[in-house]
Amino acid sequence: MSNEHISTQYNTELAALRARVVEMGAMVSEQFRLAVEALTSGRSELADQVVQNDKRVNDYEVDIDDDCAHLIAKRQPAAGDLRMVLGITKMVTDLERTGDKARKIARLSGAIRSSGVDGSDWVASTRRIADATRKLIDEAVQAFSANDIDLAISVIRGSRAVGRQVNAVSSELVKRIAETPSQVAILLDMMAVTKAVDRVADHASNLAEHLIYIVKGTDVRHATLDQIERETLQR
């Protein structure tokens, strides 16, 4: 077999691997959307759909990890290609955990909606933050697909903004817990949903950081936004 043919096969395998990550990202984004819709609309069938589809998300993670392991063993990628494969293994972990958070939101939605506790303001705030968070997931996957560092940095910046909004909503919930201890169980469920949305934004930021590692070879996981921008501009 010629070197040219081997190279063509290798590039095809890399492209297929990237495409699988994009597919997984789209599914996880839809899981998150359905979970939030179940919360805001009270449609229990949407929550059930999220829970049932969670296994598919898990299967994606296992299959992609397996593909990465086989590619490393078979092709022994070097330099940038190796970073891409290693980065993908980290990305699918964050995508799977995002799916877990969607499942958690879906499972809590029924109890919150049926509790009789007035959560209209909280639901509206959560929906707004969740919509911004889903946009971050989509943009992080888009950044990976296009190797777009500028978009990745925008995702990281957006994640920080979501964190500030989550802190404000969490503070209001803490006040309500202090004022109405009889509702503490449901208010804690609301808090858990709020924190789950926050973690999804964190996972979107992680995806963007992994992309920066893949493209630039720079580990920015514990860097400030200013440091990330300086590092990416310098290289």
Protein backbone atom coordinates (compact mmCIF):
# COMPACT_ATOMS: atom_id res chain seq x y z
CA MET A 1 0.00 0.00 0.00
CA SER A 2 1.44 3.39 -1.00
CA ASN A 3 2.23 6.12 1.51
CA GLU A 4 -0.20 8.37 -0.32
CA HIS A 5 -3.02 5.87 0.13
CA ILE A 6 -2.20 5.45 3.83
CA SER A 7 -2.16 9.22 4.26
CA THR A 8 -5.56 9.53 2.57
CA GLN A 9 -7.04 6.87 4.85
CA TYR A 10 -5.54 8.56 7.90
CA ASN A 11 -7.00 11.93 6.98
CA THR A 12 -10.37 10.31 6.36
CA GLU A 13 -10.28 8.71 9.81
CA LEU A 14 -9.38 12.03 11.45
CA ALA A 15 -12.20 13.80 9.62
CA ALA A 16 -14.68 11.09 10.65
CA LEU A 17 -13.57 11.41 14.26
CA ARG A 18 -14.10 15.18 14.23
CA ALA A 19 -17.51 14.70 12.61
CA ARG A 20 -18.56 12.32 15.41
CA VAL A 21 -17.66 14.93 18.02
CA VAL A 22 -19.80 17.51 16.20
CA GLU A 23 -22.68 15.01 16.07
CA MET A 24 -22.36 14.36 19.81
CA GLY A 25 -22.28 18.09 20.48
CA ALA A 26 -25.50 18.60 18.52
CA MET A 27 -27.23 15.82 20.44
CA VAL A 28 -26.11 17.14 23.82
CA SER A 29 -27.29 20.64 22.90
CA GLU A 30 -30.70 19.23 21.98
CA GLN A 31 -30.85 17.25 25.24
CA PHE A 32 -30.19 20.45 27.16
CA ARG A 33 -32.83 22.33 25.17
CA LEU A 34 -35.45 19.66 25.82
CA ALA A 35 -34.64 19.57 29.55
CA VAL A 36 -35.07 23.32 29.88
CA GLU A 37 -38.26 23.18 27.82
CA ALA A 38 -39.59 20.47 30.15
CA LEU A 39 -38.85 22.74 33.10
CA THR A 40 -40.43 25.86 31.65
CA SER A 41 -43.46 24.20 30.02
CA GLY A 42 -44.16 21.42 32.49
CA ARG A 43 -44.28 18.85 29.67
CA SER A 44 -43.29 15.63 31.39
CA GLU A 45 -42.92 13.76 28.10
CA LEU A 46 -39.97 15.99 27.23
CA ALA A 47 -38.30 15.17 30.54
CA ASP A 48 -38.86 11.47 29.87
CA GLN A 49 -37.33 11.83 26.42
CA VAL A 50 -34.19 13.40 27.87
CA VAL A 51 -33.77 10.62 30.41
CA GLN A 52 -34.33 7.92 27.80
CA ASN A 53 -31.86 9.48 25.34
CA ASP A 54 -29.09 9.84 27.92
CA LYS A 55 -27.79 6.37 27.07
CA ARG A 56 -27.18 7.52 23.50
CA VAL A 57 -24.99 10.34 24.82
CA ASN A 58 -23.06 7.83 26.92
CA ASP A 59 -22.68 5.56 23.89
CA TYR A 60 -21.23 8.43 21.89
CA GLU A 61 -18.59 8.99 24.57
CA VAL A 62 -17.61 5.31 24.70
CA ASP A 63 -17.50 4.94 20.92
CA ILE A 64 -15.45 8.09 20.33
CA ASP A 65 -13.01 7.21 23.11
CA ASP A 66 -12.63 3.78 21.53
CA ASP A 67 -12.04 5.33 18.10
CA CYS A 68 -9.37 7.61 19.61
CA ALA A 69 -7.59 4.70 21.26
CA HIS A 70 -7.58 2.69 18.03
CA LEU A 71 -6.36 5.67 16.02
CA ILE A 72 -3.45 6.25 18.39
CA ALA A 73 -2.49 2.56 18.38
CA LYS A 74 -2.87 2.14 14.63
CA ARG A 75 -1.60 5.45 13.25
CA GLN A 76 0.65 6.73 16.05
CA PRO A 77 -0.21 10.39 15.35
CA ALA A 78 2.38 13.04 16.17
CA ALA A 79 2.41 16.74 17.08
CA GLY A 80 -0.82 18.52 16.13
CA ASP A 81 -2.72 15.35 15.22
CA LEU A 82 -1.90 13.78 18.57
CA ARG A 83 -3.05 16.92 20.36
CA MET A 84 -6.30 16.75 18.44
CA VAL A 85 -6.97 13.15 19.39
CA LEU A 86 -6.08 13.75 23.05
CA GLY A 87 -8.15 16.95 23.05
CA ILE A 88 -11.13 15.07 21.64
CA THR A 89 -11.00 12.54 24.48
CA LYS A 90 -11.31 15.46 26.90
CA MET A 91 -14.05 17.13 24.90
CA VAL A 92 -16.29 14.09 24.83
CA THR A 93 -15.98 13.83 28.61
CA ASP A 94 -17.27 17.39 28.94
CA LEU A 95 -20.05 16.69 26.45
CA GLU A 96 -21.09 13.57 28.37
CA ARG A 97 -21.17 15.53 31.62
CA THR A 98 -23.28 18.18 29.94
CA GLY A 99 -25.69 15.39 29.05
CA ASP A 100 -25.72 14.34 32.70
CA LYS A 101 -26.70 17.88 33.71
CA ALA A 102 -29.51 17.89 31.14
CA ARG A 103 -30.80 14.62 32.61
CA LYS A 104 -30.64 16.12 36.12
CA ILE A 105 -32.64 19.18 35.06
CA ALA A 106 -35.20 16.94 33.36
CA ARG A 107 -35.59 14.75 36.45
CA LEU A 108 -36.06 17.71 38.78
CA SER A 109 -38.47 19.56 36.49
CA GLY A 110 -41.51 17.48 37.38
CA ALA A 111 -41.21 17.96 41.15
CA ILE A 112 -40.62 21.69 40.76
CA ARG A 113 -43.57 22.21 38.41
CA SER A 114 -45.98 20.14 40.51
CA SER A 115 -44.95 21.56 43.90
CA GLY A 116 -47.30 24.52 43.90
CA VAL A 117 -44.44 26.80 44.93
CA ASP A 118 -44.40 30.06 42.99
CA GLY A 119 -41.32 29.86 40.82
CA SER A 120 -42.37 32.02 37.89
CA ASP A 121 -39.60 34.62 38.32
CA TRP A 122 -37.01 31.90 38.85
CA VAL A 123 -38.20 29.96 35.80
CA ALA A 124 -37.98 33.09 33.63
CA SER A 125 -34.46 33.85 34.86
CA THR A 126 -33.37 30.24 34.45
CA ARG A 127 -34.76 30.10 30.92
CA ARG A 128 -32.88 33.26 29.97
CA ILE A 129 -29.59 31.96 31.40
CA ALA A 130 -30.12 28.51 29.88
CA ASP A 131 -30.73 29.99 26.43
CA ALA A 132 -27.42 31.87 26.67
CA THR A 133 -25.73 28.71 27.91
CA ARG A 134 -27.03 26.59 25.05
CA LYS A 135 -25.67 29.18 22.63
CA LEU A 136 -22.27 28.69 24.28
CA ILE A 137 -22.44 24.93 23.74
CA ASP A 138 -23.31 25.39 20.08
CA GLU A 139 -20.57 27.98 19.59
CA ALA A 140 -17.98 25.80 21.32
CA VAL A 141 -18.79 22.92 18.96
CA GLN A 142 -18.76 25.32 16.01
CA ALA A 143 -15.36 26.64 17.12
CA PHE A 144 -14.03 23.08 17.19
CA SER A 145 -15.45 22.32 13.76
CA ALA A 146 -13.81 25.42 12.26
CA ASN A 147 -10.69 25.62 14.47
CA ASP A 148 -11.91 29.12 15.35
CA ILE A 149 -9.83 30.45 18.26
CA ASP A 150 -11.61 33.81 18.36
CA LEU A 151 -14.97 32.08 18.78
CA ALA A 152 -13.49 29.82 21.46
CA ILE A 153 -12.33 32.87 23.43
CA SER A 154 -15.81 34.38 23.03
CA VAL A 155 -17.29 31.20 24.55
CA ILE A 156 -14.96 31.43 27.54
CA ARG A 157 -15.93 35.07 28.02
CA GLY A 158 -19.62 34.18 27.74
CA SER A 159 -19.24 31.46 30.35
CA ARG A 160 -17.93 34.01 32.83
CA ALA A 161 -21.00 36.19 32.16
CA VAL A 162 -23.32 33.24 32.78
CA GLY A 163 -21.54 32.62 36.08
CA ARG A 164 -22.33 36.16 37.24
CA GLN A 165 -26.01 35.75 36.32
CA VAL A 166 -26.16 32.41 38.14
CA ASN A 167 -24.73 34.00 41.28
CA ALA A 168 -27.51 36.60 41.25
CA VAL A 169 -30.23 33.95 40.88
CA SER A 170 -28.64 31.77 43.57
CA SER A 171 -28.59 34.70 45.99
CA GLU A 172 -32.32 35.21 45.48
CA LEU A 173 -32.96 31.53 46.17
CA VAL A 174 -30.92 31.69 49.38
CA LYS A 175 -33.08 34.62 50.53
CA ARG A 176 -36.24 32.66 49.79
CA ILE A 177 -34.95 29.65 51.73
CA ALA A 178 -34.34 31.88 54.75
CA GLU A 179 -37.75 33.54 54.44
CA THR A 180 -39.86 30.42 53.69
CA PRO A 181 -38.26 27.38 55.33
CA SER A 182 -41.42 25.33 54.65
CA GLN A 183 -40.48 25.40 50.96
CA VAL A 184 -36.86 24.47 51.45
CA ALA A 185 -37.03 21.10 49.65
CA ILE A 186 -38.33 22.56 46.39
CA LEU A 187 -36.12 25.64 46.66
CA LEU A 188 -33.11 23.36 46.98
CA ASP A 189 -34.27 21.56 43.83
CA MET A 190 -34.41 24.95 42.11
CA MET A 191 -30.91 25.67 43.37
CA ALA A 192 -29.72 22.34 41.98
CA VAL A 193 -31.13 23.20 38.55
CA THR A 194 -29.50 26.64 38.66
CA LYS A 195 -26.14 25.08 39.51
CA ALA A 196 -26.60 22.48 36.77
CA VAL A 197 -27.06 25.23 34.18
CA ASP A 198 -23.94 26.92 35.55
CA ARG A 199 -21.96 23.70 35.19
CA VAL A 200 -23.12 23.35 31.58
CA ALA A 201 -21.67 26.81 30.89
CA ASP A 202 -18.45 25.64 32.55
CA HIS A 203 -18.36 22.60 30.28
CA ALA A 204 -18.83 24.85 27.24
CA SER A 205 -15.86 26.88 28.44
CA ASN A 206 -13.87 23.66 28.87
CA LEU A 207 -14.67 22.69 25.29
CA ALA A 208 -13.31 26.03 24.12
CA GLU A 209 -10.17 25.57 26.22
CA HIS A 210 -9.61 22.11 24.74
CA LEU A 211 -9.89 23.63 21.25
CA ILE A 212 -7.21 26.18 22.12
CA TYR A 213 -4.99 23.31 23.28
CA ILE A 214 -5.62 21.42 20.04
CA VAL A 215 -4.84 24.37 17.78
CA LYS A 216 -2.20 26.24 19.77
CA GLY A 217 -0.70 23.53 21.97
CA THR A 218 -1.29 25.74 25.02
CA ASP A 219 -2.99 24.45 28.17
CA VAL A 220 -5.20 27.33 29.39
CA ARG A 221 -7.41 25.41 31.81
CA HIS A 222 -6.41 27.44 34.88
CA ALA A 223 -5.62 30.72 33.17
CA THR A 224 -7.54 33.98 33.46
CA LEU A 225 -9.33 35.34 30.40
CA ASP A 226 -6.64 38.01 29.98
CA GLN A 227 -3.92 35.35 30.13
CA ILE A 228 -5.74 33.22 27.56
CA GLU A 229 -6.06 36.13 25.17
CA ARG A 230 -2.38 37.03 25.56
CA GLU A 231 -1.26 33.42 25.08
CA THR A 232 -3.31 32.91 21.93
CA LEU A 233 -2.25 36.22 20.41
CA GLN A 234 1.42 35.57 21.01
CA ARG A 235 1.49 32.28 19.09
